[in-house]
C-alpha atoms as a PDB file:
ATOM      1  CA  MET A   1     -34.534 212.683-186.801  1.00  0.00           C
ATOM      2  CA  TYR A   2     -37.813 214.166-185.418  1.00  0.00           C
ATOM      3  CA  ASP A   3     -41.206 212.686-186.916  1.00  0.00           C
ATOM      4  CA  PHE A   4     -42.893 215.902-186.536  1.00  0.00           C
ATOM      5  CA  ILE A   5     -41.899 220.080-185.492  1.00  0.00           C
ATOM      6  CA  THR A   6     -44.406 222.262-184.608  1.00  0.00           C
ATOM      7  CA  ILE A   7     -43.790 225.963-184.777  1.00  0.00           C
ATOM      8  CA  GLY A   8     -46.204 228.540-183.467  1.00  0.00           C
ATOM      9  CA  SER A   9     -47.071 229.763-179.779  1.00  0.00           C
ATOM     10  CA  ALA A  10     -46.783 228.975-176.426  1.00  0.00           C
ATOM     11  CA  THR A  11     -48.607 230.677-173.777  1.00  0.00           C
ATOM     12  CA  GLN A  12     -50.117 230.110-170.364  1.00  0.00           C
ATOM     13  CA  ASP A  13     -53.713 229.876-170.681  1.00  0.00           C
ATOM     14  CA  VAL A  14     -55.936 231.189-167.586  1.00  0.00           C
ATOM     15  CA  PHE A  15     -59.678 229.765-167.874  1.00  0.00           C
ATOM     16  CA  ILE A  16     -62.424 231.814-166.304  1.00  0.00           C
ATOM     17  CA  GLN A  17     -65.831 230.500-165.851  1.00  0.00           C
ATOM     18  CA  SER A  18     -68.686 232.250-164.942  1.00  0.00           C
ATOM     19  CA  ASP A  19     -72.449 231.432-165.189  1.00  0.00           C
ATOM     20  CA  VAL A  20     -73.606 235.067-165.414  1.00  0.00           C
ATOM     21  CA  ALA A  21     -72.285 235.381-168.683  1.00  0.00           C
ATOM     22  CA  SER A  22     -74.831 236.064-171.426  1.00  0.00           C
ATOM     23  CA  ILE A  23     -74.805 235.097-175.148  1.00  0.00           C
ATOM     24  CA  VAL A  24     -76.106 237.847-177.319  1.00  0.00           C
ATOM     25  CA  THR A  25     -77.004 237.077-180.583  1.00  0.00           C
ATOM     26  CA  VAL A  26     -76.667 239.993-183.528  1.00  0.00           C
ATOM     27  CA  SER A  27     -78.383 239.067-187.059  1.00  0.00           C
ATOM     28  CA  GLN A  28     -77.809 241.102-190.207  1.00  0.00           C
ATOM     29  CA  THR A  29     -79.028 240.398-193.731  1.00  0.00           C
ATOM     30  CA  SER A  30     -75.580 238.469-194.657  1.00  0.00           C
ATOM     31  CA  LYS A  31     -74.323 237.116-191.129  1.00  0.00           C
ATOM     32  CA  LYS A  32     -75.519 236.194-187.483  1.00  0.00           C
ATOM     33  CA  SER A  33     -72.605 236.952-185.050  1.00  0.00           C
ATOM     34  CA  GLU A  34     -72.778 235.960-181.278  1.00  0.00           C
ATOM     35  CA  PHE A  35     -71.051 238.069-178.363  1.00  0.00           C
ATOM     36  CA  MET A  36     -70.318 237.187-174.847  1.00  0.00           C
ATOM     37  CA  SER A  37     -71.385 239.899-172.496  1.00  0.00           C
ATOM     38  CA  PHE A  38     -71.297 240.373-168.569  1.00  0.00           C
ATOM     39  CA  PRO A  39     -72.895 243.114-166.316  1.00  0.00           C
ATOM     40  CA  TYR A  40     -71.110 246.222-167.112  1.00  0.00           C
ATOM     41  CA  GLY A  41     -69.247 248.209-164.183  1.00  0.00           C
ATOM     42  CA  ALA A  42     -70.227 245.076-161.971  1.00  0.00           C
ATOM     43  CA  LYS A  43     -68.246 242.475-160.053  1.00  0.00           C
ATOM     44  CA  THR A  44     -69.147 239.060-161.214  1.00  0.00           C
ATOM     45  CA  GLU A  45     -68.680 235.897-159.575  1.00  0.00           C
ATOM     46  CA  ILE A  46     -66.554 233.181-161.044  1.00  0.00           C
ATOM     47  CA  ALA A  47     -67.683 229.557-161.138  1.00  0.00           C
ATOM     48  CA  ASP A  48     -64.503 228.027-161.967  1.00  0.00           C
ATOM     49  CA  PHE A  49     -60.860 228.761-162.343  1.00  0.00           C
ATOM     50  CA  SER A  50     -57.659 227.045-163.683  1.00  0.00           C
ATOM     51  CA  LYS A  51     -54.237 227.708-165.294  1.00  0.00           C
ATOM     52  CA  ASN A  52     -52.630 225.528-168.254  1.00  0.00           C
ATOM     53  CA  LEU A  53     -50.078 225.597-170.845  1.00  0.00           C
ATOM     54  CA  GLY A  54     -51.298 226.015-174.232  1.00  0.00           C
ATOM     55  CA  GLY A  55     -50.625 227.795-177.508  1.00  0.00           C
ATOM     56  CA  GLY A  56     -50.963 225.886-180.833  1.00  0.00           C
ATOM     57  CA  ALA A  57     -47.213 225.086-181.194  1.00  0.00           C
ATOM     58  CA  VAL A  58     -47.482 223.617-177.636  1.00  0.00           C
ATOM     59  CA  ASN A  59     -50.771 221.688-177.798  1.00  0.00           C
ATOM     60  CA  THR A  60     -50.085 220.037-180.835  1.00  0.00           C
ATOM     61  CA  ALA A  61     -46.454 219.112-180.061  1.00  0.00           C
ATOM     62  CA  THR A  62     -48.248 217.532-176.490  1.00  0.00           C
ATOM     63  CA  ASN A  63     -51.170 215.636-178.726  1.00  0.00           C
ATOM     64  CA  LEU A  64     -48.192 214.317-181.287  1.00  0.00           C
ATOM     65  CA  ALA A  65     -45.859 213.288-178.631  1.00  0.00           C
ATOM     66  CA  ASN A  66     -48.630 211.635-176.648  1.00  0.00           C
ATOM     67  CA  LEU A  67     -49.290 209.700-179.816  1.00  0.00           C
ATOM     68  CA  GLY A  68     -46.182 208.143-179.697  1.00  0.00           C
ATOM     69  CA  PHE A  69     -44.319 210.720-182.065  1.00  0.00           C
ATOM     70  CA  LYS A  70     -40.862 211.787-181.866  1.00  0.00           C
ATOM     71  CA  THR A  71     -41.357 215.461-181.559  1.00  0.00           C
ATOM     72  CA  SER A  72     -39.805 218.910-181.387  1.00  0.00           C
ATOM     73  CA  THR A  73     -41.118 222.339-181.211  1.00  0.00           C
ATOM     74  CA  ILE A  74     -40.020 225.896-182.233  1.00  0.00           C
ATOM     75  CA  ILE A  75     -41.638 228.516-179.886  1.00  0.00           C
ATOM     76  CA  LYS A  76     -40.466 231.757-178.451  1.00  0.00           C
ATOM     77  CA  LEU A  77     -40.222 232.126-174.591  1.00  0.00           C
ATOM     78  CA  GLY A  78     -40.253 235.678-172.590  1.00  0.00           C
ATOM     79  CA  ASN A  79     -37.573 236.200-169.875  1.00  0.00           C
ATOM     80  CA  ASP A  80     -39.738 235.322-167.294  1.00  0.00           C
ATOM     81  CA  GLU A  81     -40.696 232.622-164.790  1.00  0.00           C
ATOM     82  CA  LEU A  82     -43.045 231.013-167.244  1.00  0.00           C
ATOM     83  CA  ASN A  83     -39.873 230.060-169.711  1.00  0.00           C
ATOM     84  CA  SER A  84     -38.427 227.447-167.369  1.00  0.00           C
ATOM     85  CA  ILE A  85     -42.100 226.389-166.275  1.00  0.00           C
ATOM     86  CA  ILE A  86     -42.854 225.518-170.150  1.00  0.00           C
ATOM     87  CA  LYS A  87     -39.687 223.651-171.124  1.00  0.00           C
ATOM     88  CA  LEU A  88     -39.934 221.443-167.905  1.00  0.00           C
ATOM     89  CA  LYS A  89     -43.465 220.475-169.099  1.00  0.00           C
ATOM     90  CA  LEU A  90     -42.601 219.813-172.721  1.00  0.00           C
ATOM     91  CA  ALA A  91     -39.850 217.288-171.458  1.00  0.00           C
ATOM     92  CA  LYS A  92     -41.911 215.736-169.360  1.00  0.00           C
ATOM     93  CA  SER A  93     -44.218 215.166-171.969  1.00  0.00           C
ATOM     94  CA  GLY A  94     -41.206 213.709-174.011  1.00  0.00           C
ATOM     95  CA  ILE A  95     -40.756 216.978-176.329  1.00  0.00           C
ATOM     96  CA  ASP A  96     -37.254 217.793-177.575  1.00  0.00           C
ATOM     97  CA  ILE A  97     -36.980 221.504-176.367  1.00  0.00           C
ATOM     98  CA  MET A  98     -33.320 222.057-178.118  1.00  0.00           C
ATOM     99  CA  ASN A  99     -35.399 224.210-180.365  1.00  0.00           C
ATOM    100  CA  ILE A 100     -36.850 226.479-178.458  1.00  0.00           C
ATOM    101  CA  ILE A 101     -36.140 230.297-178.862  1.00  0.00           C
ATOM    102  CA  ASP A 102     -35.263 232.404-175.830  1.00  0.00           C
ATOM    103  CA  SER A 103     -36.243 236.156-175.902  1.00  0.00           C
ATOM    104  CA  GLN A 104     -34.644 238.650-173.399  1.00  0.00           C
ATOM    105  CA  LYS A 105     -36.814 241.355-174.535  1.00  0.00           C
ATOM    106  CA  TYR A 106     -40.527 240.180-174.450  1.00  0.00           C
ATOM    107  CA  LEU A 107     -42.383 238.197-172.255  1.00  0.00           C
ATOM    108  CA  THR A 108     -44.369 234.662-172.941  1.00  0.00           C
ATOM    109  CA  GLY A 109     -47.656 234.673-174.287  1.00  0.00           C
ATOM    110  CA  PHE A 110     -50.599 235.058-171.900  1.00  0.00           C
ATOM    111  CA  SER A 111     -54.352 234.252-172.477  1.00  0.00           C
ATOM    112  CA  ILE A 112     -57.273 234.663-170.283  1.00  0.00           C
ATOM    113  CA  ILE A 113     -60.033 232.422-171.678  1.00  0.00           C
ATOM    114  CA  LEU A 114     -63.843 232.908-170.838  1.00  0.00           C
ATOM    115  CA  VAL A 115     -65.875 230.170-170.713  1.00  0.00           C
ATOM    116  CA  SER A 116     -69.517 230.621-171.368  1.00  0.00           C
ATOM    117  CA  PHE A 117     -72.175 227.915-169.881  1.00  0.00           C
ATOM    118  CA  GLN A 118     -72.270 226.593-173.452  1.00  0.00           C
ATOM    119  CA  GLY A 119     -68.969 225.311-173.267  1.00  0.00           C
ATOM    120  CA  ASP A 120     -67.681 227.863-176.226  1.00  0.00           C
ATOM    121  CA  ARG A 121     -65.323 230.813-175.156  1.00  0.00           C
ATOM    122  CA  THR A 122     -64.010 233.921-175.813  1.00  0.00           C
ATOM    123  CA  VAL A 123     -59.979 234.668-175.741  1.00  0.00           C
ATOM    124  CA  LEU A 124     -58.283 237.608-174.340  1.00  0.00           C
ATOM    125  CA  ALA A 125     -54.818 237.006-175.915  1.00  0.00           C
ATOM    126  CA  HIS A 126     -51.607 238.803-175.206  1.00  0.00           C
ATOM    127  CA  ARG A 127     -48.967 237.513-177.958  1.00  0.00           C
ATOM    128  CA  GLY A 128     -45.822 238.494-176.395  1.00  0.00           C
ATOM    129  CA  ALA A 129     -42.698 236.752-177.525  1.00  0.00           C
ATOM    130  CA  ASN A 130     -44.921 234.551-179.893  1.00  0.00           C
ATOM    131  CA  ALA A 131     -45.215 237.578-182.337  1.00  0.00           C
ATOM    132  CA  HIS A 132     -41.633 238.219-182.460  1.00  0.00           C
ATOM    133  CA  VAL A 133     -40.177 234.982-184.171  1.00  0.00           C
ATOM    134  CA  HIS A 134     -37.594 235.716-186.702  1.00  0.00           C
ATOM    135  CA  GLU A 135     -36.069 233.904-189.522  1.00  0.00           C
ATOM    136  CA  LYS A 136     -32.393 233.997-188.035  1.00  0.00           C
ATOM    137  CA  GLU A 137     -33.493 232.427-184.817  1.00  0.00           C
ATOM    138  CA  VAL A 138     -35.161 229.506-186.530  1.00  0.00           C
ATOM    139  CA  ASN A 139     -32.948 226.292-186.402  1.00  0.00           C
ATOM    140  CA  PHE A 140     -33.565 225.227-189.936  1.00  0.00           C
ATOM    141  CA  ASP A 141     -31.113 222.107-189.704  1.00  0.00           C
ATOM    142  CA  ALA A 142     -33.525 220.792-187.019  1.00  0.00           C
ATOM    143  CA  ILE A 143     -36.323 221.377-189.726  1.00  0.00           C
ATOM    144  CA  LYS A 144     -34.267 219.630-192.300  1.00  0.00           C
ATOM    145  CA  ASN A 145     -34.093 216.497-189.972  1.00  0.00           C
ATOM    146  CA  SER A 146     -37.960 216.200-189.629  1.00  0.00           C
ATOM    147  CA  ARG A 147     -40.394 214.032-191.669  1.00  0.00           C
ATOM    148  CA  TRP A 148     -43.104 216.758-191.190  1.00  0.00           C
ATOM    149  CA  VAL A 149     -43.195 220.346-190.206  1.00  0.00           C
ATOM    150  CA  TYR A 150     -46.636 221.607-188.608  1.00  0.00           C
ATOM    151  CA  VAL A 151     -46.730 225.038-188.915  1.00  0.00           C
ATOM    152  CA  SER A 152     -49.684 226.605-186.265  1.00  0.00           C
ATOM    153  CA  PRO A 153     -51.286 230.013-186.562  1.00  0.00           C
ATOM    154  CA  LEU A 154     -48.542 232.698-186.554  1.00  0.00           C
ATOM    155  CA  SER A 155     -48.989 236.059-184.917  1.00  0.00           C
ATOM    156  CA  GLY A 156     -47.268 239.487-185.651  1.00  0.00           C
ATOM    157  CA  ASP A 157     -44.009 239.346-187.115  1.00  0.00           C
ATOM    158  CA  SER A 158     -43.764 235.829-186.622  1.00  0.00           C
ATOM    159  CA  ASN A 159     -46.041 235.514-189.822  1.00  0.00           C
ATOM    160  CA  LYS A 160     -43.136 236.604-191.942  1.00  0.00           C
ATOM    161  CA  ILE A 161     -41.372 233.289-191.608  1.00  0.00           C
ATOM    162  CA  LEU A 162     -43.989 231.334-192.908  1.00  0.00           C
ATOM    163  CA  ASP A 163     -42.982 231.741-196.531  1.00  0.00           C
ATOM    164  CA  LYS A 164     -39.373 230.952-195.686  1.00  0.00           C
ATOM    165  CA  ILE A 165     -40.550 227.955-193.927  1.00  0.00           C
ATOM    166  CA  SER A 166     -42.841 226.715-196.774  1.00  0.00           C
ATOM    167  CA  LYS A 167     -40.193 226.990-199.558  1.00  0.00           C
ATOM    168  CA  PHE A 168     -37.542 225.409-197.386  1.00  0.00           C
ATOM    169  CA  CYS A 169     -39.978 222.212-196.678  1.00  0.00           C
ATOM    170  CA  GLU A 170     -40.723 222.340-200.634  1.00  0.00           C
ATOM    171  CA  GLU A 171     -36.864 222.369-201.263  1.00  0.00           C
ATOM    172  CA  ASN A 172     -35.904 219.407-198.995  1.00  0.00           C
ATOM    173  CA  LYS A 173     -38.811 217.393-199.598  1.00  0.00           C
ATOM    174  CA  ILE A 174     -40.519 217.565-196.134  1.00  0.00           C
ATOM    175  CA  ASN A 175     -44.034 217.231-195.390  1.00  0.00           C
ATOM    176  CA  LEU A 176     -45.858 220.606-194.528  1.00  0.00           C
ATOM    177  CA  ALA A 177     -49.162 220.726-192.693  1.00  0.00           C
ATOM    178  CA  ILE A 178     -50.293 224.371-192.066  1.00  0.00           C
ATOM    179  CA  ASN A 179     -53.352 225.462-189.555  1.00  0.00           C
ATOM    180  CA  ALA A 180     -53.879 228.520-191.262  1.00  0.00           C
ATOM    181  CA  GLY A 181     -54.144 231.846-188.923  1.00  0.00           C
ATOM    182  CA  THR A 182     -55.850 234.950-189.695  1.00  0.00           C
ATOM    183  CA  THR A 183     -52.932 237.035-190.008  1.00  0.00           C
ATOM    184  CA  ALA A 184     -51.364 234.991-193.006  1.00  0.00           C
ATOM    185  CA  LEU A 185     -55.036 234.717-194.603  1.00  0.00           C
ATOM    186  CA  LYS A 186     -55.456 238.258-194.264  1.00  0.00           C
ATOM    187  CA  LYS A 187     -52.481 238.944-196.597  1.00  0.00           C
ATOM    188  CA  GLY A 188     -55.027 237.556-199.320  1.00  0.00           C
ATOM    189  CA  ALA A 189     -55.675 234.580-201.664  1.00  0.00           C
ATOM    190  CA  LYS A 190     -52.730 235.550-204.102  1.00  0.00           C
ATOM    191  CA  TYR A 191     -50.321 235.237-201.076  1.00  0.00           C
ATOM    192  CA  PHE A 192     -51.700 231.898-199.289  1.00  0.00           C
ATOM    193  CA  SER A 193     -52.041 230.444-202.815  1.00  0.00           C
ATOM    194  CA  LYS A 194     -48.226 230.204-202.848  1.00  0.00           C
ATOM    195  CA  ILE A 195     -48.216 228.446-199.445  1.00  0.00           C
ATOM    196  CA  LEU A 196     -51.119 226.182-200.439  1.00  0.00           C
ATOM    197  CA  LYS A 197     -48.919 224.977-203.249  1.00  0.00           C
ATOM    198  CA  THR A 198     -46.021 223.594-200.992  1.00  0.00           C
ATOM    199  CA  ALA A 199     -48.351 221.994-198.369  1.00  0.00           C
ATOM    200  CA  GLN A 200     -49.501 218.311-198.081  1.00  0.00           C
ATOM    201  CA  ILE A 201     -52.303 219.139-195.642  1.00  0.00           C
ATOM    202  CA  VAL A 202     -53.893 222.527-194.949  1.00  0.00           C
ATOM    203  CA  VAL A 203     -56.946 222.754-192.058  1.00  0.00           C
ATOM    204  CA  MET A 204     -58.855 226.076-191.369  1.00  0.00           C
ATOM    205  CA  ASN A 205     -62.261 226.811-189.724  1.00  0.00           C
ATOM    206  CA  LYS A 206     -65.165 227.948-191.952  1.00  0.00           C
ATOM    207  CA  GLU A 207     -64.522 231.602-190.985  1.00  0.00           C
ATOM    208  CA  GLU A 208     -60.702 231.485-192.160  1.00  0.00           C
ATOM    209  CA  ALA A 209     -61.876 229.698-195.239  1.00  0.00           C
ATOM    210  CA  SER A 210     -64.297 232.407-195.844  1.00  0.00           C
ATOM    211  CA  LEU A 211     -61.756 235.105-195.134  1.00  0.00           C
ATOM    212  CA  VAL A 212     -59.177 233.564-198.010  1.00  0.00           C
ATOM    213  CA  THR A 213     -61.767 232.416-200.566  1.00  0.00           C
ATOM    214  CA  LYS A 214     -63.989 235.803-200.076  1.00  0.00           C
ATOM    215  CA  ILE A 215     -66.936 233.086-200.151  1.00  0.00           C
ATOM    216  CA  GLN A 216     -69.697 233.794-197.607  1.00  0.00           C
ATOM    217  CA  VAL A 217     -71.888 230.464-196.530  1.00  0.00           C
ATOM    218  CA  ARG A 218     -75.161 232.223-197.145  1.00  0.00           C
ATOM    219  CA  PRO A 219     -78.127 231.663-194.571  1.00  0.00           C
ATOM    220  CA  ASP A 220     -80.672 231.457-197.154  1.00  0.00           C
ATOM    221  CA  SER A 221     -80.717 227.970-196.904  1.00  0.00           C
ATOM    222  CA  LYS A 222     -81.804 225.872-193.638  1.00  0.00           C
ATOM    223  CA  GLU A 223     -78.728 224.556-191.944  1.00  0.00           C
ATOM    224  CA  GLU A 224     -80.672 221.092-191.426  1.00  0.00           C
ATOM    225  CA  LYS A 225     -81.620 220.671-194.831  1.00  0.00           C
ATOM    226  CA  PHE A 226     -77.977 219.947-195.352  1.00  0.00           C
ATOM    227  CA  SER A 227     -77.492 216.085-193.982  1.00  0.00           C
ATOM    228  CA  LEU A 228     -74.915 214.244-194.573  1.00  0.00           C
ATOM    229  CA  CYS A 229     -75.805 213.091-198.039  1.00  0.00           C
ATOM    230  CA  GLU A 230     -75.355 216.869-198.910  1.00  0.00           C
ATOM    231  CA  VAL A 231     -73.045 219.709-198.427  1.00  0.00           C
ATOM    232  CA  HIS A 232     -73.771 223.391-198.698  1.00  0.00           C
ATOM    233  CA  PRO A 233     -72.830 224.603-202.234  1.00  0.00           C
ATOM    234  CA  ASP A 234     -70.839 227.432-200.628  1.00  0.00           C
ATOM    235  CA  ILE A 235     -68.774 225.036-198.490  1.00  0.00           C
ATOM    236  CA  VAL A 236     -68.069 222.843-201.941  1.00  0.00           C
ATOM    237  CA  SER A 237     -66.857 226.322-203.493  1.00  0.00           C
ATOM    238  CA  MET A 238     -64.847 227.127-200.806  1.00  0.00           C
ATOM    239  CA  LEU A 239     -62.965 223.712-200.813  1.00  0.00           C
ATOM    240  CA  LYS A 240     -62.644 223.520-205.034  1.00  0.00           C
ATOM    241  CA  GLN A 241     -61.017 227.035-204.659  1.00  0.00           C
ATOM    242  CA  LEU A 242     -58.477 226.343-201.765  1.00  0.00           C
ATOM    243  CA  ARG A 243     -57.742 223.051-203.546  1.00  0.00           C
ATOM    244  CA  MET A 244     -57.173 224.801-206.952  1.00  0.00           C
ATOM    245  CA  GLY A 245     -53.737 224.828-208.159  1.00  0.00           C
ATOM    246  CA  THR A 246     -52.512 222.269-205.139  1.00  0.00           C
ATOM    247  CA  ASP A 247     -52.085 218.577-204.200  1.00  0.00           C
ATOM    248  CA  ALA A 248     -53.013 219.517-200.588  1.00  0.00           C
ATOM    249  CA  VAL A 249     -55.753 217.893-198.663  1.00  0.00           C
ATOM    250  CA  VAL A 250     -57.546 220.636-197.360  1.00  0.00           C
ATOM    251  CA  ALA A 251     -59.850 220.450-194.188  1.00  0.00           C
ATOM    252  CA  ILE A 252     -62.652 222.826-193.158  1.00  0.00           C
ATOM    253  CA  THR A 253     -63.828 222.665-189.625  1.00  0.00           C
ATOM    254  CA  ASP A 254     -67.379 224.159-188.828  1.00  0.00           C
ATOM    255  CA  GLY A 255     -68.151 223.352-185.040  1.00  0.00           C
ATOM    256  CA  LYS A 256     -71.260 221.354-184.265  1.00  0.00           C
ATOM    257  CA  ASN A 257     -71.734 220.553-188.234  1.00  0.00           C
ATOM    258  CA  GLY A 258     -68.547 218.693-188.588  1.00  0.00           C
ATOM    259  CA  VAL A 259     -65.492 218.345-190.863  1.00  0.00           C
ATOM    260  CA  TYR A 260     -65.488 218.946-194.955  1.00  0.00           C
ATOM    261  CA  CYS A 261     -62.285 217.599-196.364  1.00  0.00           C
ATOM    262  CA  PHE A 262     -61.204 217.616-200.005  1.00  0.00           C
ATOM    263  CA  ASP A 263     -58.412 215.846-201.687  1.00  0.00           C
ATOM    264  CA  GLY A 264     -59.167 216.753-205.276  1.00  0.00           C
ATOM    265  CA  LYS A 265     -61.675 213.705-206.238  1.00  0.00           C
ATOM    266  CA  THR A 266     -63.626 213.381-203.014  1.00  0.00           C
ATOM    267  CA  ILE A 267     -65.291 215.471-200.571  1.00  0.00           C
ATOM    268  CA  TYR A 268     -65.600 213.591-197.019  1.00  0.00           C
ATOM    269  CA  ILE A 269     -68.100 215.057-194.561  1.00  0.00           C
ATOM    270  CA  CYS A 270     -67.441 213.627-190.801  1.00  0.00           C
ATOM    271  CA  PRO A 271     -70.290 214.782-188.279  1.00  0.00           C
ATOM    272  CA  GLN A 272     -69.318 215.886-184.640  1.00  0.00           C
ATOM    273  CA  PHE A 273     -68.479 212.956-182.418  1.00  0.00           C
ATOM    274  CA  PRO A 274     -70.859 212.481-179.325  1.00  0.00           C
ATOM    275  CA  ALA A 275     -69.490 214.466-176.331  1.00  0.00           C
ATOM    276  CA  ILE A 276     -70.614 216.694-173.135  1.00  0.00           C
ATOM    277  CA  VAL A 277     -68.883 219.754-173.881  1.00  0.00           C
ATOM    278  CA  THR A 278     -67.090 221.740-170.938  1.00  0.00           C
ATOM    279  CA  SER A 279     -64.747 223.812-173.149  1.00  0.00           C
ATOM    280  CA  THR A 280     -64.034 223.862-176.780  1.00  0.00           C
ATOM    281  CA  LEU A 281     -60.544 225.364-176.318  1.00  0.00           C
ATOM    282  CA  GLY A 282     -57.791 223.494-178.100  1.00  0.00           C
ATOM    283  CA  ALA A 283     -60.271 221.229-179.926  1.00  0.00           C
ATOM    284  CA  GLY A 284     -58.675 222.498-183.344  1.00  0.00           C
ATOM    285  CA  ASP A 285     -55.602 221.729-182.710  1.00  0.00           C
ATOM    286  CA  ALA A 286     -56.260 218.365-181.193  1.00  0.00           C
ATOM    287  CA  PHE A 287     -58.325 217.720-184.303  1.00  0.00           C
ATOM    288  CA  SER A 288     -55.555 219.197-186.821  1.00  0.00           C
ATOM    289  CA  SER A 289     -52.595 217.550-185.349  1.00  0.00           C
ATOM    290  CA  THR A 290     -54.352 214.353-184.934  1.00  0.00           C
ATOM    291  CA  PHE A 291     -55.520 214.428-188.620  1.00  0.00           C
ATOM    292  CA  CYS A 292     -51.790 214.872-189.580  1.00  0.00           C
ATOM    293  CA  ALA A 293     -50.806 211.694-187.107  1.00  0.00           C
ATOM    294  CA  SER A 294     -53.405 209.664-188.396  1.00  0.00           C
ATOM    295  CA  VAL A 295     -52.813 210.408-192.116  1.00  0.00           C
ATOM    296  CA  ASP A 296     -49.027 209.160-191.308  1.00  0.00           C
ATOM    297  CA  ARG A 297     -49.807 206.375-189.549  1.00  0.00           C
ATOM    298  CA  PHE A 298     -52.367 205.058-191.804  1.00  0.00           C
ATOM    299  CA  ASN A 299     -50.776 205.628-195.213  1.00  0.00           C
ATOM    300  CA  TRP A 300     -53.131 208.523-196.162  1.00  0.00           C
ATOM    301  CA  ASP A 301     -56.438 206.819-195.005  1.00  0.00           C
ATOM    302  CA  ILE A 302     -58.359 210.392-195.061  1.00  0.00           C
ATOM    303  CA  GLU A 303     -61.758 208.818-193.891  1.00  0.00           C
ATOM    304  CA  LYS A 304     -59.861 206.778-191.047  1.00  0.00           C
ATOM    305  CA  ALA A 305     -57.693 209.997-190.270  1.00  0.00           C
ATOM    306  CA  LEU A 306     -61.135 212.349-189.947  1.00  0.00           C
ATOM    307  CA  LYS A 307     -62.232 209.524-187.746  1.00  0.00           C
ATOM    308  CA  TYR A 308     -59.665 209.462-185.734  1.00  0.00           C
ATOM    309  CA  ALA A 309     -59.099 213.472-185.371  1.00  0.00           C
ATOM    310  CA  THR A 310     -62.719 213.783-184.583  1.00  0.00           C
ATOM    311  CA  VAL A 311     -62.816 211.539-181.695  1.00  0.00           C
ATOM    312  CA  ASN A 312     -59.663 213.145-180.067  1.00  0.00           C
ATOM    313  CA  SER A 313     -60.866 216.611-180.561  1.00  0.00           C
ATOM    314  CA  ALA A 314     -64.110 215.471-179.028  1.00  0.00           C
ATOM    315  CA  SER A 315     -62.167 214.143-176.251  1.00  0.00           C
ATOM    316  CA  VAL A 316     -60.575 217.638-175.290  1.00  0.00           C
ATOM    317  CA  CYS A 317     -64.089 219.362-175.519  1.00  0.00           C
ATOM    318  CA  GLU A 318     -64.883 217.569-172.690  1.00  0.00           C
ATOM    319  CA  HIS A 319     -62.287 218.679-170.364  1.00  0.00           C
ATOM    320  CA  PHE A 320     -61.302 222.026-169.055  1.00  0.00           C
ATOM    321  CA  GLY A 321     -58.198 222.730-170.927  1.00  0.00           C
ATOM    322  CA  ALA A 322     -56.575 222.808-173.888  1.00  0.00           C
ATOM    323  CA  GLN A 323     -54.246 219.761-173.442  1.00  0.00           C
ATOM    324  CA  GLU A 324     -56.745 217.718-171.401  1.00  0.00           C
ATOM    325  CA  GLY A 325     -58.431 214.683-172.525  1.00  0.00           C
ATOM    326  CA  PHE A 326     -55.778 213.536-175.404  1.00  0.00           C
ATOM    327  CA  LEU A 327     -56.110 210.005-176.044  1.00  0.00           C
ATOM    328  CA  LYS A 328     -53.819 207.496-177.518  1.00  0.00           C
ATOM    329  CA  PHE A 329     -54.184 205.520-180.793  1.00  0.00           C
ATOM    330  CA  GLY A 330     -55.494 202.862-179.008  1.00  0.00           C
ATOM    331  CA  GLU A 331     -57.880 204.789-176.778  1.00  0.00           C
ATOM    332  CA  ILE A 332     -59.495 206.514-180.038  1.00  0.00           C
ATOM    333  CA  GLU A 333     -59.700 203.032-181.890  1.00  0.00           C
ATOM    334  CA  GLU A 334     -61.908 201.767-178.787  1.00  0.00           C
ATOM    335  CA  LYS A 335     -64.227 204.832-179.087  1.00  0.00           C
ATOM    336  CA  ILE A 336     -64.717 204.343-182.729  1.00  0.00           C
ATOM    337  CA  ASN A 337     -65.208 200.607-182.453  1.00  0.00           C
ATOM    338  CA  ALA A 338     -67.733 201.590-179.816  1.00  0.00           C
ATOM    339  CA  ASN A 339     -69.898 204.049-181.844  1.00  0.00           C
ATOM    340  CA  LYS A 340     -70.668 201.913-185.013  1.00  0.00           C
ATOM    341  CA  ASP A 341     -72.988 204.503-186.149  1.00  0.00           C
ATOM    342  CA  PHE A 342     -70.119 207.081-186.377  1.00  0.00           C
ATOM    343  CA  LYS A 343     -69.209 207.153-190.191  1.00  0.00           C
ATOM    344  CA  VAL A 344     -67.733 209.372-192.729  1.00  0.00           C
ATOM    345  CA  LYS A 345     -69.818 210.330-195.803  1.00  0.00           C
ATOM    346  CA  LYS A 346     -68.098 210.748-199.296  1.00  0.00           C
ATOM    347  CA  ILE A 347     -68.822 212.280-202.028  1.00  0.00           C
ATOM    348  CA  SER A 348     -66.982 211.956-205.609  1.00  0.00           C
ATOM    349  CA  VAL A 349     -66.702 215.322-207.495  1.00  0.00           C
END
């Protein structure tokens, strides 16, 4: 019996940091976009370089195992040298690798992460085998023997299994957590609302929430106006729309502005935990998987789960790699106890 099975992607992540990169801001009437740019046609020096394993399913499985849960993962690896490297690393982390799918046709996923001087990143991703997970390859018997199924963003054809997995979890009374990705969300609110009805926890970032709800957070109100005592009305509308017709706990992450969470009765606003940011890659995986783990450990104490998830996410941001900086429950608790001003605001709806 597993506590958690994660489903999603596995990649080789190559981190490249260059202080030459510029951040270019482009403003429009309804939105503001930022781009990372390099001198065109030039040879650019690299300030730092490293290689790590990554991918949503791998990151979350590693974090859950580190937190003490019996964990397995369903990923698809290519016919290459990374296959054995990833399996060995997962096994050493205490993750059951028996449910991994091997491909003879595709290569293992690969990503190049360009890290800016601000610590944020742009990812160049080759999906490889990650985009070709098929229903017949998934071990549903293993899923049936798990208390939780955590679905990280699925790409390409792999997204087609989301509906089947969600129905299977509903029929077999398995807790389902979904960290929604753009591929699923682009199918529209009608499709995704069916998935929402089967989930206990749904996590997405503000941009993804906007994509599925068609609600834009208007820039006409200064962000600083909305303190922990208030939430932007467009965020409230997003939360209510996502929660409509479902019993799921819905969380929307918003970078430096923290996290908003809604359980149908209360909106929780959790600020960003103080951190010296090195890279934000993997922070979302750390947050969402720690949130699920904490909800399970602390009997659905949403306020406490948000704190623990935010602290673990901040720890990952302080390291150069998506799986570096994972904390155990005791270490997270120590950080919370040492920061008495770190509080979650609650608003009754």
